[in-house]
Amino acid sequence: MKIFMIGGTGLLGSAAARLLIDHGHSVKSVALPPLPEGAPIPEEMELVFGDYNKKTDDEIREMMAGCDSFIFAAGVDERVEFPAPVYEAYEKFNINPLKRLIPLAKECGVKNVVVLGSYFSYFAKAHPEMELTQKHPYIRSRIEQEEVALSFADDTCSVSVLELPYIFGTQPGRKPVWTILIEQLSGMGPVTMYPVGGTTMVTVHQVAQAITGAVEQGARGAIPIGYYNYTWDQFLAIVHDAMGQPNRKIIHVTKWMFQLFGLHMRKVYAKKGVEGGIDPVGLADIMCMNTWIDKKYSQALGVTKDDIRSAIFDSVKLSVDAFTGKQKLVEMKAE
C-alpha cells in the first residue's frame, strides 16, 4: 500500500513509518523541520517539509494522490501549554485538521484512515459519572476529535482512532515529554510524593505495531491501546533507578492532598497566563485510580510483548539529560 502520513518525523510517526516500510508499504509524509539530529528517520520515506496547515487543498491533494491510507500522527497533547481558552488550540491542531484532511483523502481515493488519539477518551466513555469532558478541555477535545474522525467512515473508507496511553521510548535528538516528570520529581527533594493508583502503558514500537495493524486490517472505530498495567509504585521504581536513585522513598499522597496541590497549580497557570488542558484539581480523580486497559485490543492489531522497563529507563535517562542541559534537543512542536 501507499501511505500518506502527517507527522512522519515524530517519535511515533517515524517508528510507524519504519515498520510499515519493513512490511513492504511505501510512505510519504509532510513534517515540520528541523529533523532531530541523529533521529532514525527511514531513508525510504518520501519527505515534504512544511506546515500542512499552510498548504492549499490542491497541494494536499497532490501529496495524497494515489495513496491507499492516511495516518494522522500529529497534533498536541495536554502537556503543551497554551493561553486561555486552551480548547481553541486543540481545535486548531487536533480537530479542525481532520475536518479538512479526511474529506480530501477520500476525494483522492484513500480507503483507510488512522488517527492517533488519547486513552483519556476511553475512560471518559467508560466512566461518565466522572464527568471528565466537563472538567478537562483536553479530554473534551479528544472526544470531539474521535467523533469528527469517525463521522467520515463509510463503505468506501474505514476510519479508526487509536486511544493511546503512556508511551515510552526515545528518538535521538528529540526532547522527551517525560522531562516534565523529571522536573516535578527534582522539585520534591529526596523523596517522591505520589498518589496510589496506576496506568496502562506501551512502548513506541508497540504503537508502531498498532498503527501498522490498523492500516493493514482496515480497522474501524475507537480502539483502546494498552499492554502493561503498572501501579505508580511499580512505575516509579523504574524511574528512580534510571535517575540513579534506586532507594528513593515514595510517600503516598491522598486525593485531598493532591487536590490542594491542584489549587496551587491553578494559580501558577493563571500567573503564567496559560490554561491547562487537564484541570489540576480534577486530575486527582484520574491519578488516584487504576487507568488500566486490557491488552486484548492491542493484541488484535498485532501488538506483541516488548521490553517496557528498558523503554521507561531510556526515556527517563534522556529526560534527565534534557532537564540538566546535557543534550541539545528539539522541542515538541504542534505539527
C-alpha atoms as a PDB file:
ATOM      1  CA  MET A   1       0.000   0.000   0.000  1.00  0.00           C
ATOM      2  CA  LYS A   2       0.940   3.628  -0.475  1.00  0.00           C
ATOM      3  CA  ILE A   3       0.544   5.594   2.734  1.00  0.00           C
ATOM      4  CA  PHE A   4       0.419   9.334   3.400  1.00  0.00           C
ATOM      5  CA  MET A   5       1.247  10.475   6.923  1.00  0.00           C
ATOM      6  CA  ILE A   6       1.151  13.768   8.782  1.00  0.00           C
ATOM      7  CA  GLY A   7       3.965  13.784  11.353  1.00  0.00           C
ATOM      8  CA  GLY A   8       6.246  11.133   9.902  1.00  0.00           C
ATOM      9  CA  THR A   9       9.389  12.533  11.532  1.00  0.00           C
ATOM     10  CA  GLY A  10       7.963  12.496  15.073  1.00  0.00           C
ATOM     11  CA  LEU A  11       8.648   9.870  17.692  1.00  0.00           C
ATOM     12  CA  LEU A  12       5.600   7.762  16.826  1.00  0.00           C
ATOM     13  CA  GLY A  13       5.326   8.620  13.142  1.00  0.00           C
ATOM     14  CA  SER A  14       8.904   7.689  12.304  1.00  0.00           C
ATOM     15  CA  ALA A  15       8.649   4.380  14.180  1.00  0.00           C
ATOM     16  CA  ALA A  16       5.417   3.552  12.350  1.00  0.00           C
ATOM     17  CA  ALA A  17       6.933   4.550   9.011  1.00  0.00           C
ATOM     18  CA  ARG A  18       9.894   2.225   9.612  1.00  0.00           C
ATOM     19  CA  LEU A  19       7.644  -0.733  10.403  1.00  0.00           C
ATOM     20  CA  LEU A  20       5.273  -0.040   7.514  1.00  0.00           C
ATOM     21  CA  ILE A  21       8.201   0.133   5.093  1.00  0.00           C
ATOM     22  CA  ASP A  22       9.560  -3.104   6.531  1.00  0.00           C
ATOM     23  CA  HIS A  23       6.160  -4.629   5.771  1.00  0.00           C
ATOM     24  CA  GLY A  24       6.525  -3.648   2.119  1.00  0.00           C
ATOM     25  CA  HIS A  25       4.489  -0.436   2.071  1.00  0.00           C
ATOM     26  CA  SER A  26       5.638   2.963   0.796  1.00  0.00           C
ATOM     27  CA  VAL A  27       5.284   6.052   2.988  1.00  0.00           C
ATOM     28  CA  LYS A  28       5.135   9.749   2.154  1.00  0.00           C
ATOM     29  CA  SER A  29       4.972  12.384   4.881  1.00  0.00           C
ATOM     30  CA  VAL A  30       4.823  16.114   5.398  1.00  0.00           C
ATOM     31  CA  ALA A  31       6.526  17.377   8.545  1.00  0.00           C
ATOM     32  CA  LEU A  32       7.951  20.489  10.151  1.00  0.00           C
ATOM     33  CA  PRO A  33      11.728  20.942  10.093  1.00  0.00           C
ATOM     34  CA  PRO A  34      14.258  20.618  11.575  1.00  0.00           C
ATOM     35  CA  LEU A  35      14.892  16.907  11.817  1.00  0.00           C
ATOM     36  CA  PRO A  36      16.190  15.854  15.244  1.00  0.00           C
ATOM     37  CA  GLU A  37      19.941  15.245  14.982  1.00  0.00           C
ATOM     38  CA  GLY A  38      20.619  11.527  14.792  1.00  0.00           C
ATOM     39  CA  ALA A  39      16.947  10.570  14.562  1.00  0.00           C
ATOM     40  CA  PRO A  40      16.376   7.244  12.750  1.00  0.00           C
ATOM     41  CA  ILE A  41      14.121   8.645  10.033  1.00  0.00           C
ATOM     42  CA  PRO A  42      13.672   5.954   7.340  1.00  0.00           C
ATOM     43  CA  GLU A  43      15.620   6.902   4.229  1.00  0.00           C
ATOM     44  CA  GLU A  44      12.967   5.228   2.099  1.00  0.00           C
ATOM     45  CA  MET A  45      10.242   7.605   3.340  1.00  0.00           C
ATOM     46  CA  GLU A  46       9.446  10.440   0.945  1.00  0.00           C
ATOM     47  CA  LEU A  47       9.513  13.685   2.922  1.00  0.00           C
ATOM     48  CA  VAL A  48       7.912  17.021   2.171  1.00  0.00           C
ATOM     49  CA  PHE A  49       8.924  19.718   4.635  1.00  0.00           C
ATOM     50  CA  GLY A  50       6.494  22.427   5.646  1.00  0.00           C
ATOM     51  CA  ASP A  51       3.385  23.258   7.662  1.00  0.00           C
ATOM     52  CA  TYR A  52       0.487  21.256   6.294  1.00  0.00           C
ATOM     53  CA  ASN A  53      -1.931  23.798   7.771  1.00  0.00           C
ATOM     54  CA  LYS A  54      -0.482  26.412   5.393  1.00  0.00           C
ATOM     55  CA  LYS A  55      -0.689  24.260   2.275  1.00  0.00           C
ATOM     56  CA  THR A  56      -3.577  24.682  -0.127  1.00  0.00           C
ATOM     57  CA  ASP A  57      -6.147  21.970  -0.735  1.00  0.00           C
ATOM     58  CA  ASP A  58      -4.625  21.353  -4.157  1.00  0.00           C
ATOM     59  CA  GLU A  59      -1.178  20.910  -2.607  1.00  0.00           C
ATOM     60  CA  ILE A  60      -2.625  18.398  -0.145  1.00  0.00           C
ATOM     61  CA  ARG A  61      -4.425  16.550  -2.935  1.00  0.00           C
ATOM     62  CA  GLU A  62      -1.182  16.353  -4.891  1.00  0.00           C
ATOM     63  CA  MET A  63       0.604  14.774  -1.934  1.00  0.00           C
ATOM     64  CA  MET A  64      -2.241  12.324  -1.284  1.00  0.00           C
ATOM     65  CA  ALA A  65      -2.713  11.330  -4.932  1.00  0.00           C
ATOM     66  CA  GLY A  66      -2.596   7.566  -5.385  1.00  0.00           C
ATOM     67  CA  CYS A  67      -2.445   6.826  -1.653  1.00  0.00           C
ATOM     68  CA  ASP A  68      -4.416   3.980  -0.104  1.00  0.00           C
ATOM     69  CA  SER A  69      -4.139   5.044   3.550  1.00  0.00           C
ATOM     70  CA  PHE A  70      -3.836   8.254   5.554  1.00  0.00           C
ATOM     71  CA  ILE A  71      -2.302   8.403   9.047  1.00  0.00           C
ATOM     72  CA  PHE A  72      -2.681  11.477  11.257  1.00  0.00           C
ATOM     73  CA  ALA A  73       0.237  11.192  13.697  1.00  0.00           C
ATOM     74  CA  ALA A  74       0.392  14.832  14.686  1.00  0.00           C
ATOM     75  CA  GLY A  75      -1.307  17.361  16.926  1.00  0.00           C
ATOM     76  CA  VAL A  76      -0.630  18.265  20.549  1.00  0.00           C
ATOM     77  CA  ASP A  77      -1.338  16.686  23.914  1.00  0.00           C
ATOM     78  CA  GLU A  78      -2.210  18.081  27.320  1.00  0.00           C
ATOM     79  CA  ARG A  79       1.410  18.801  28.243  1.00  0.00           C
ATOM     80  CA  VAL A  80       1.811  21.590  25.687  1.00  0.00           C
ATOM     81  CA  GLU A  81       0.765  24.892  27.286  1.00  0.00           C
ATOM     82  CA  PHE A  82      -1.408  27.492  25.553  1.00  0.00           C
ATOM     83  CA  PRO A  83      -3.075  30.778  26.573  1.00  0.00           C
ATOM     84  CA  ALA A  84      -6.735  30.522  27.566  1.00  0.00           C
ATOM     85  CA  PRO A  85      -9.005  29.338  26.144  1.00  0.00           C
ATOM     86  CA  VAL A  86      -6.863  26.244  25.570  1.00  0.00           C
ATOM     87  CA  TYR A  87      -9.681  24.488  23.728  1.00  0.00           C
ATOM     88  CA  GLU A  88      -9.074  26.741  20.715  1.00  0.00           C
ATOM     89  CA  ALA A  89      -5.560  25.322  20.403  1.00  0.00           C
ATOM     90  CA  TYR A  90      -6.872  21.763  20.483  1.00  0.00           C
ATOM     91  CA  GLU A  91      -9.402  22.646  17.801  1.00  0.00           C
ATOM     92  CA  LYS A  92      -6.629  24.171  15.669  1.00  0.00           C
ATOM     93  CA  PHE A  93      -4.145  21.302  15.919  1.00  0.00           C
ATOM     94  CA  ASN A  94      -6.211  18.184  16.703  1.00  0.00           C
ATOM     95  CA  ILE A  95      -9.757  18.628  15.418  1.00  0.00           C
ATOM     96  CA  ASN A  96     -10.013  21.109  12.532  1.00  0.00           C
ATOM     97  CA  PRO A  97      -7.231  19.412  10.513  1.00  0.00           C
ATOM     98  CA  LEU A  98      -9.318  16.230  10.382  1.00  0.00           C
ATOM     99  CA  LYS A  99     -12.375  18.143   9.178  1.00  0.00           C
ATOM    100  CA  ARG A 100     -10.287  19.274   6.236  1.00  0.00           C
ATOM    101  CA  LEU A 101      -7.879  16.415   5.587  1.00  0.00           C
ATOM    102  CA  ILE A 102     -10.126  13.352   5.765  1.00  0.00           C
ATOM    103  CA  PRO A 103     -12.558  14.626   3.093  1.00  0.00           C
ATOM    104  CA  LEU A 104      -9.556  15.487   0.877  1.00  0.00           C
ATOM    105  CA  ALA A 105      -8.175  11.999   1.458  1.00  0.00           C
ATOM    106  CA  LYS A 106     -11.463  10.411   0.457  1.00  0.00           C
ATOM    107  CA  GLU A 107     -11.542  12.582  -2.677  1.00  0.00           C
ATOM    108  CA  CYS A 108      -8.154  11.111  -3.576  1.00  0.00           C
ATOM    109  CA  GLY A 109      -9.406   7.562  -3.152  1.00  0.00           C
ATOM    110  CA  VAL A 110      -7.940   6.803   0.266  1.00  0.00           C
ATOM    111  CA  LYS A 111      -9.610   3.681   1.655  1.00  0.00           C
ATOM    112  CA  ASN A 112      -8.325   3.752   5.232  1.00  0.00           C
ATOM    113  CA  VAL A 113      -7.663   6.470   7.837  1.00  0.00           C
ATOM    114  CA  VAL A 114      -5.861   6.029  11.174  1.00  0.00           C
ATOM    115  CA  VAL A 115      -5.859   8.823  13.759  1.00  0.00           C
ATOM    116  CA  LEU A 116      -3.706   8.854  16.893  1.00  0.00           C
ATOM    117  CA  GLY A 117      -5.885   9.844  19.844  1.00  0.00           C
ATOM    118  CA  SER A 118      -5.796   9.540  23.638  1.00  0.00           C
ATOM    119  CA  TYR A 119      -6.774   6.914  26.177  1.00  0.00           C
ATOM    120  CA  PHE A 120      -8.481   9.667  28.162  1.00  0.00           C
ATOM    121  CA  SER A 121     -11.309   9.278  25.645  1.00  0.00           C
ATOM    122  CA  TYR A 122     -11.695   5.635  26.612  1.00  0.00           C
ATOM    123  CA  PHE A 123     -12.041   6.440  30.292  1.00  0.00           C
ATOM    124  CA  ALA A 124     -14.369   9.375  29.673  1.00  0.00           C
ATOM    125  CA  LYS A 125     -16.719   6.979  27.898  1.00  0.00           C
ATOM    126  CA  ALA A 126     -16.223   4.145  30.384  1.00  0.00           C
ATOM    127  CA  HIS A 127     -16.842   6.385  33.424  1.00  0.00           C
ATOM    128  CA  PRO A 128     -19.439   9.024  32.511  1.00  0.00           C
ATOM    129  CA  GLU A 129     -20.068   9.602  36.234  1.00  0.00           C
ATOM    130  CA  MET A 130     -16.604  11.214  36.478  1.00  0.00           C
ATOM    131  CA  GLU A 131     -17.679  13.985  34.056  1.00  0.00           C
ATOM    132  CA  LEU A 132     -14.189  14.093  32.575  1.00  0.00           C
ATOM    133  CA  THR A 133     -15.245  16.003  29.470  1.00  0.00           C
ATOM    134  CA  GLN A 134     -16.854  18.719  31.583  1.00  0.00           C
ATOM    135  CA  LYS A 135     -13.804  19.122  33.819  1.00  0.00           C
ATOM    136  CA  HIS A 136     -10.980  18.833  31.313  1.00  0.00           C
ATOM    137  CA  PRO A 137     -10.795  20.730  27.981  1.00  0.00           C
ATOM    138  CA  TYR A 138      -8.228  18.307  26.620  1.00  0.00           C
ATOM    139  CA  ILE A 139     -10.398  15.246  27.209  1.00  0.00           C
ATOM    140  CA  ARG A 140     -13.425  17.003  25.714  1.00  0.00           C
ATOM    141  CA  SER A 141     -11.332  17.829  22.653  1.00  0.00           C
ATOM    142  CA  ARG A 142     -10.188  14.234  22.240  1.00  0.00           C
ATOM    143  CA  ILE A 143     -13.782  13.017  22.347  1.00  0.00           C
ATOM    144  CA  GLU A 144     -14.699  15.600  19.707  1.00  0.00           C
ATOM    145  CA  GLN A 145     -11.696  14.548  17.638  1.00  0.00           C
ATOM    146  CA  GLU A 146     -12.943  10.961  17.693  1.00  0.00           C
ATOM    147  CA  GLU A 147     -16.448  11.982  16.752  1.00  0.00           C
ATOM    148  CA  VAL A 148     -15.210  14.102  13.852  1.00  0.00           C
ATOM    149  CA  ALA A 149     -12.880  11.408  12.535  1.00  0.00           C
ATOM    150  CA  LEU A 150     -15.376   8.562  12.798  1.00  0.00           C
ATOM    151  CA  SER A 151     -18.130  10.619  11.162  1.00  0.00           C
ATOM    152  CA  PHE A 152     -16.313  10.233   7.830  1.00  0.00           C
ATOM    153  CA  ALA A 153     -16.319   6.429   7.901  1.00  0.00           C
ATOM    154  CA  ASP A 154     -18.484   4.735   5.279  1.00  0.00           C
ATOM    155  CA  ASP A 155     -18.499   1.754   2.934  1.00  0.00           C
ATOM    156  CA  THR A 156     -15.674   3.246   0.871  1.00  0.00           C
ATOM    157  CA  CYS A 157     -13.354   4.296   3.702  1.00  0.00           C
ATOM    158  CA  SER A 158     -12.625   2.788   7.120  1.00  0.00           C
ATOM    159  CA  VAL A 159     -11.616   5.115   9.972  1.00  0.00           C
ATOM    160  CA  SER A 160     -10.043   4.168  13.288  1.00  0.00           C
ATOM    161  CA  VAL A 161      -8.843   6.202  16.263  1.00  0.00           C
ATOM    162  CA  LEU A 162      -6.135   4.618  18.408  1.00  0.00           C
ATOM    163  CA  GLU A 163      -6.653   5.718  22.029  1.00  0.00           C
ATOM    164  CA  LEU A 164      -3.011   5.856  23.098  1.00  0.00           C
ATOM    165  CA  PRO A 165      -1.844   5.735  26.741  1.00  0.00           C
ATOM    166  CA  TYR A 166       1.521   6.497  28.376  1.00  0.00           C
ATOM    167  CA  ILE A 167       4.191   5.803  25.735  1.00  0.00           C
ATOM    168  CA  PHE A 168       7.867   5.113  26.403  1.00  0.00           C
ATOM    169  CA  GLY A 169      10.819   5.114  24.074  1.00  0.00           C
ATOM    170  CA  THR A 170      13.187   7.711  22.680  1.00  0.00           C
ATOM    171  CA  GLN A 171      14.096   9.377  19.443  1.00  0.00           C
ATOM    172  CA  PRO A 172      17.692  10.647  19.393  1.00  0.00           C
ATOM    173  CA  GLY A 173      17.724  14.430  19.214  1.00  0.00           C
ATOM    174  CA  ARG A 174      14.123  14.956  20.387  1.00  0.00           C
ATOM    175  CA  LYS A 175      13.208  16.113  23.896  1.00  0.00           C
ATOM    176  CA  PRO A 176      11.019  13.511  25.634  1.00  0.00           C
ATOM    177  CA  VAL A 177       7.686  14.603  27.079  1.00  0.00           C
ATOM    178  CA  TRP A 178       8.790  12.874  30.291  1.00  0.00           C
ATOM    179  CA  THR A 179      11.174  15.756  31.022  1.00  0.00           C
ATOM    180  CA  ILE A 180       8.162  17.284  32.794  1.00  0.00           C
ATOM    181  CA  LEU A 181       8.092  14.339  35.222  1.00  0.00           C
ATOM    182  CA  ILE A 182      11.796  14.752  35.974  1.00  0.00           C
ATOM    183  CA  GLU A 183      11.241  18.438  36.685  1.00  0.00           C
ATOM    184  CA  GLN A 184       8.453  17.549  39.111  1.00  0.00           C
ATOM    185  CA  LEU A 185      10.432  14.841  40.912  1.00  0.00           C
ATOM    186  CA  SER A 186      13.509  17.057  41.140  1.00  0.00           C
ATOM    187  CA  GLY A 187      11.429  19.687  42.900  1.00  0.00           C
ATOM    188  CA  MET A 188      10.305  17.249  45.591  1.00  0.00           C
ATOM    189  CA  GLY A 189      13.691  16.893  47.250  1.00  0.00           C
ATOM    190  CA  PRO A 190      14.929  13.451  48.380  1.00  0.00           C
ATOM    191  CA  VAL A 191      11.513  11.734  48.307  1.00  0.00           C
ATOM    192  CA  THR A 192       8.743  11.211  45.768  1.00  0.00           C
ATOM    193  CA  MET A 193       5.217  12.228  46.734  1.00  0.00           C
ATOM    194  CA  TYR A 194       2.697  10.414  44.549  1.00  0.00           C
ATOM    195  CA  PRO A 195      -0.843   9.050  44.860  1.00  0.00           C
ATOM    196  CA  VAL A 196      -1.941   5.424  44.973  1.00  0.00           C
ATOM    197  CA  GLY A 197      -3.128   4.413  41.543  1.00  0.00           C
ATOM    198  CA  GLY A 198      -1.667   3.326  38.244  1.00  0.00           C
ATOM    199  CA  THR A 199      -1.779   3.486  34.466  1.00  0.00           C
ATOM    200  CA  THR A 200      -1.518   1.411  31.334  1.00  0.00           C
ATOM    201  CA  MET A 201       1.466   1.920  29.067  1.00  0.00           C
ATOM    202  CA  VAL A 202       3.120   0.801  25.840  1.00  0.00           C
ATOM    203  CA  THR A 203       6.433   1.232  24.048  1.00  0.00           C
ATOM    204  CA  VAL A 204       6.987   3.279  20.904  1.00  0.00           C
ATOM    205  CA  HIS A 205       7.476   0.050  18.959  1.00  0.00           C
ATOM    206  CA  GLN A 206       4.132  -1.252  20.185  1.00  0.00           C
ATOM    207  CA  VAL A 207       2.438   1.935  18.958  1.00  0.00           C
ATOM    208  CA  ALA A 208       4.067   1.356  15.569  1.00  0.00           C
ATOM    209  CA  GLN A 209       2.668  -2.179  15.599  1.00  0.00           C
ATOM    210  CA  ALA A 210      -0.815  -0.883  16.448  1.00  0.00           C
ATOM    211  CA  ILE A 211      -0.693   1.682  13.638  1.00  0.00           C
ATOM    212  CA  THR A 212       0.539  -0.905  11.154  1.00  0.00           C
ATOM    213  CA  GLY A 213      -2.171  -3.346  12.224  1.00  0.00           C
ATOM    214  CA  ALA A 214      -4.873  -0.691  11.906  1.00  0.00           C
ATOM    215  CA  VAL A 215      -3.692   0.164   8.392  1.00  0.00           C
ATOM    216  CA  GLU A 216      -3.367  -3.403   7.176  1.00  0.00           C
ATOM    217  CA  GLN A 217      -6.622  -4.597   8.759  1.00  0.00           C
ATOM    218  CA  GLY A 218      -8.662  -1.562   7.741  1.00  0.00           C
ATOM    219  CA  ALA A 219      -9.643  -1.152  11.394  1.00  0.00           C
ATOM    220  CA  ARG A 220     -12.775   0.758  12.332  1.00  0.00           C
ATOM    221  CA  GLY A 221     -13.902   2.674  15.407  1.00  0.00           C
ATOM    222  CA  ALA A 222     -12.176   3.863  18.571  1.00  0.00           C
ATOM    223  CA  ILE A 223      -9.671   1.280  19.818  1.00  0.00           C
ATOM    224  CA  PRO A 224      -8.214   1.493  23.350  1.00  0.00           C
ATOM    225  CA  ILE A 225      -4.491   0.760  23.337  1.00  0.00           C
ATOM    226  CA  GLY A 226      -2.657  -0.614  26.370  1.00  0.00           C
ATOM    227  CA  TYR A 227      -0.380  -3.530  27.194  1.00  0.00           C
ATOM    228  CA  TYR A 228       1.390  -3.139  30.540  1.00  0.00           C
ATOM    229  CA  ASN A 229      -0.701  -2.168  33.573  1.00  0.00           C
ATOM    230  CA  TYR A 230       1.542  -0.810  36.331  1.00  0.00           C
ATOM    231  CA  THR A 231       0.815   0.789  39.676  1.00  0.00           C
ATOM    232  CA  TRP A 232       2.523   4.129  40.230  1.00  0.00           C
ATOM    233  CA  ASP A 233       4.835   2.437  42.733  1.00  0.00           C
ATOM    234  CA  GLN A 234       5.938  -0.115  40.119  1.00  0.00           C
ATOM    235  CA  PHE A 235       6.447   2.604  37.536  1.00  0.00           C
ATOM    236  CA  LEU A 236       8.313   4.938  39.882  1.00  0.00           C
ATOM    237  CA  ALA A 237      10.682   2.185  40.966  1.00  0.00           C
ATOM    238  CA  ILE A 238      11.960   2.056  37.373  1.00  0.00           C
ATOM    239  CA  VAL A 239      12.032   5.857  37.128  1.00  0.00           C
ATOM    240  CA  HIS A 240      14.064   6.171  40.314  1.00  0.00           C
ATOM    241  CA  ASP A 241      16.507   3.539  39.102  1.00  0.00           C
ATOM    242  CA  ALA A 242      17.006   5.405  35.817  1.00  0.00           C
ATOM    243  CA  MET A 243      17.561   8.626  37.781  1.00  0.00           C
ATOM    244  CA  GLY A 244      20.329   6.941  39.736  1.00  0.00           C
ATOM    245  CA  GLN A 245      18.243   6.992  42.923  1.00  0.00           C
ATOM    246  CA  PRO A 246      17.129   3.349  43.328  1.00  0.00           C
ATOM    247  CA  ASN A 247      16.448   3.705  47.053  1.00  0.00           C
ATOM    248  CA  ARG A 248      14.384   6.877  46.792  1.00  0.00           C
ATOM    249  CA  LYS A 249      11.391   6.712  49.130  1.00  0.00           C
ATOM    250  CA  ILE A 250       7.798   7.080  47.931  1.00  0.00           C
ATOM    251  CA  ILE A 251       5.302   8.872  50.169  1.00  0.00           C
ATOM    252  CA  HIS A 252       1.693   8.240  49.171  1.00  0.00           C
ATOM    253  CA  VAL A 253      -0.396  11.372  48.712  1.00  0.00           C
ATOM    254  CA  THR A 254      -4.143  11.231  49.439  1.00  0.00           C
ATOM    255  CA  LYS A 255      -6.667  12.556  46.956  1.00  0.00           C
ATOM    256  CA  TRP A 256      -7.471  15.661  49.013  1.00  0.00           C
ATOM    257  CA  MET A 257      -3.761  16.483  49.284  1.00  0.00           C
ATOM    258  CA  PHE A 258      -3.426  16.132  45.515  1.00  0.00           C
ATOM    259  CA  GLN A 259      -6.412  18.440  45.088  1.00  0.00           C
ATOM    260  CA  LEU A 260      -4.753  21.059  47.320  1.00  0.00           C
ATOM    261  CA  PHE A 261      -1.704  20.908  45.082  1.00  0.00           C
ATOM    262  CA  GLY A 262      -4.071  21.295  42.122  1.00  0.00           C
ATOM    263  CA  LEU A 263      -5.422  24.541  43.597  1.00  0.00           C
ATOM    264  CA  HIS A 264      -1.840  25.791  43.773  1.00  0.00           C
ATOM    265  CA  MET A 265      -1.262  24.810  40.135  1.00  0.00           C
ATOM    266  CA  ARG A 266      -4.345  26.735  39.050  1.00  0.00           C
ATOM    267  CA  LYS A 267      -2.713  29.853  40.489  1.00  0.00           C
ATOM    268  CA  VAL A 268       0.565  29.010  38.734  1.00  0.00           C
ATOM    269  CA  TYR A 269      -1.237  28.667  35.404  1.00  0.00           C
ATOM    270  CA  ALA A 270      -3.066  31.952  35.958  1.00  0.00           C
ATOM    271  CA  LYS A 271       0.203  33.742  36.740  1.00  0.00           C
ATOM    272  CA  LYS A 272       1.795  32.326  33.583  1.00  0.00           C
ATOM    273  CA  GLY A 273      -1.244  33.306  31.530  1.00  0.00           C
ATOM    274  CA  VAL A 274      -1.979  29.765  30.381  1.00  0.00           C
ATOM    275  CA  GLU A 275      -4.816  27.272  30.823  1.00  0.00           C
ATOM    276  CA  GLY A 276      -4.192  23.594  31.469  1.00  0.00           C
ATOM    277  CA  GLY A 277      -5.835  21.079  29.197  1.00  0.00           C
ATOM    278  CA  ILE A 278      -6.241  18.868  32.251  1.00  0.00           C
ATOM    279  CA  ASP A 279      -7.652  20.688  35.256  1.00  0.00           C
ATOM    280  CA  PRO A 280      -5.080  20.128  38.054  1.00  0.00           C
ATOM    281  CA  VAL A 281      -7.739  19.725  40.737  1.00  0.00           C
ATOM    282  CA  GLY A 282      -9.810  17.268  38.729  1.00  0.00           C
ATOM    283  CA  LEU A 283      -6.634  15.392  37.812  1.00  0.00           C
ATOM    284  CA  ALA A 284      -6.657  13.931  41.328  1.00  0.00           C
ATOM    285  CA  ASP A 285      -9.606  11.681  40.423  1.00  0.00           C
ATOM    286  CA  ILE A 286      -7.655  10.226  37.493  1.00  0.00           C
ATOM    287  CA  MET A 287      -4.309   9.855  39.250  1.00  0.00           C
ATOM    288  CA  CYS A 288      -5.864   8.074  42.238  1.00  0.00           C
ATOM    289  CA  MET A 289      -7.434   5.306  40.146  1.00  0.00           C
ATOM    290  CA  ASN A 290      -6.034   2.476  38.046  1.00  0.00           C
ATOM    291  CA  THR A 291      -6.420   3.632  34.452  1.00  0.00           C
ATOM    292  CA  TRP A 292      -5.751   0.176  33.076  1.00  0.00           C
ATOM    293  CA  ILE A 293      -6.691  -1.298  29.711  1.00  0.00           C
ATOM    294  CA  ASP A 294      -6.903  -4.945  28.697  1.00  0.00           C
ATOM    295  CA  LYS A 295      -4.139  -5.743  26.185  1.00  0.00           C
ATOM    296  CA  LYS A 296      -6.522  -7.839  24.076  1.00  0.00           C
ATOM    297  CA  TYR A 297      -7.447  -4.780  21.979  1.00  0.00           C
ATOM    298  CA  SER A 298      -3.801  -4.139  21.145  1.00  0.00           C
ATOM    299  CA  GLN A 299      -3.112  -7.803  20.502  1.00  0.00           C
ATOM    300  CA  ALA A 300      -5.955  -7.859  17.976  1.00  0.00           C
ATOM    301  CA  LEU A 301      -3.956  -5.312  15.966  1.00  0.00           C
ATOM    302  CA  GLY A 302      -0.823  -7.430  16.132  1.00  0.00           C
ATOM    303  CA  VAL A 303       0.891  -5.797  19.115  1.00  0.00           C
ATOM    304  CA  THR A 304       3.354  -8.130  20.820  1.00  0.00           C
ATOM    305  CA  LYS A 305       5.361  -8.158  24.035  1.00  0.00           C
ATOM    306  CA  ASP A 306       8.199  -5.636  24.326  1.00  0.00           C
ATOM    307  CA  ASP A 307      10.753  -4.513  26.938  1.00  0.00           C
ATOM    308  CA  ILE A 308       8.761  -1.832  28.741  1.00  0.00           C
ATOM    309  CA  ARG A 309      11.336  -1.483  31.512  1.00  0.00           C
ATOM    310  CA  SER A 310      14.106  -0.599  29.082  1.00  0.00           C
ATOM    311  CA  ALA A 311      11.782   1.824  27.274  1.00  0.00           C
ATOM    312  CA  ILE A 312      10.926   3.625  30.537  1.00  0.00           C
ATOM    313  CA  PHE A 313      14.592   3.602  31.579  1.00  0.00           C
ATOM    314  CA  ASP A 314      15.748   5.112  28.269  1.00  0.00           C
ATOM    315  CA  SER A 315      13.002   7.748  28.323  1.00  0.00           C
ATOM    316  CA  VAL A 316      13.919   8.841  31.835  1.00  0.00           C
ATOM    317  CA  LYS A 317      17.662   8.902  31.144  1.00  0.00           C
ATOM    318  CA  LEU A 318      17.185  11.171  28.124  1.00  0.00           C
ATOM    319  CA  SER A 319      14.722  13.311  30.110  1.00  0.00           C
ATOM    320  CA  VAL A 320      17.332  13.775  32.844  1.00  0.00           C
ATOM    321  CA  ASP A 321      19.855  14.859  30.204  1.00  0.00           C
ATOM    322  CA  ALA A 322      17.311  17.319  28.806  1.00  0.00           C
ATOM    323  CA  PHE A 323      16.477  18.687  32.255  1.00  0.00           C
ATOM    324  CA  THR A 324      20.137  19.132  33.211  1.00  0.00           C
ATOM    325  CA  GLY A 325      21.094  20.599  29.837  1.00  0.00           C
ATOM    326  CA  LYS A 326      23.495  17.796  28.919  1.00  0.00           C
ATOM    327  CA  GLN A 327      21.948  17.427  25.470  1.00  0.00           C
ATOM    328  CA  LYS A 328      20.565  19.943  22.985  1.00  0.00           C
ATOM    329  CA  LEU A 329      17.245  18.508  21.885  1.00  0.00           C
ATOM    330  CA  VAL A 330      14.439  19.510  19.533  1.00  0.00           C
ATOM    331  CA  GLU A 331      11.312  20.576  21.415  1.00  0.00           C
ATOM    332  CA  MET A 332       7.895  19.081  20.781  1.00  0.00           C
ATOM    333  CA  LYS A 333       6.053  21.064  18.096  1.00  0.00           C
ATOM    334  CA  ALA A 334       2.401  21.484  17.251  1.00  0.00           C
ATOM    335  CA  GLU A 335       2.626  19.641  13.930  1.00  0.00           C
END
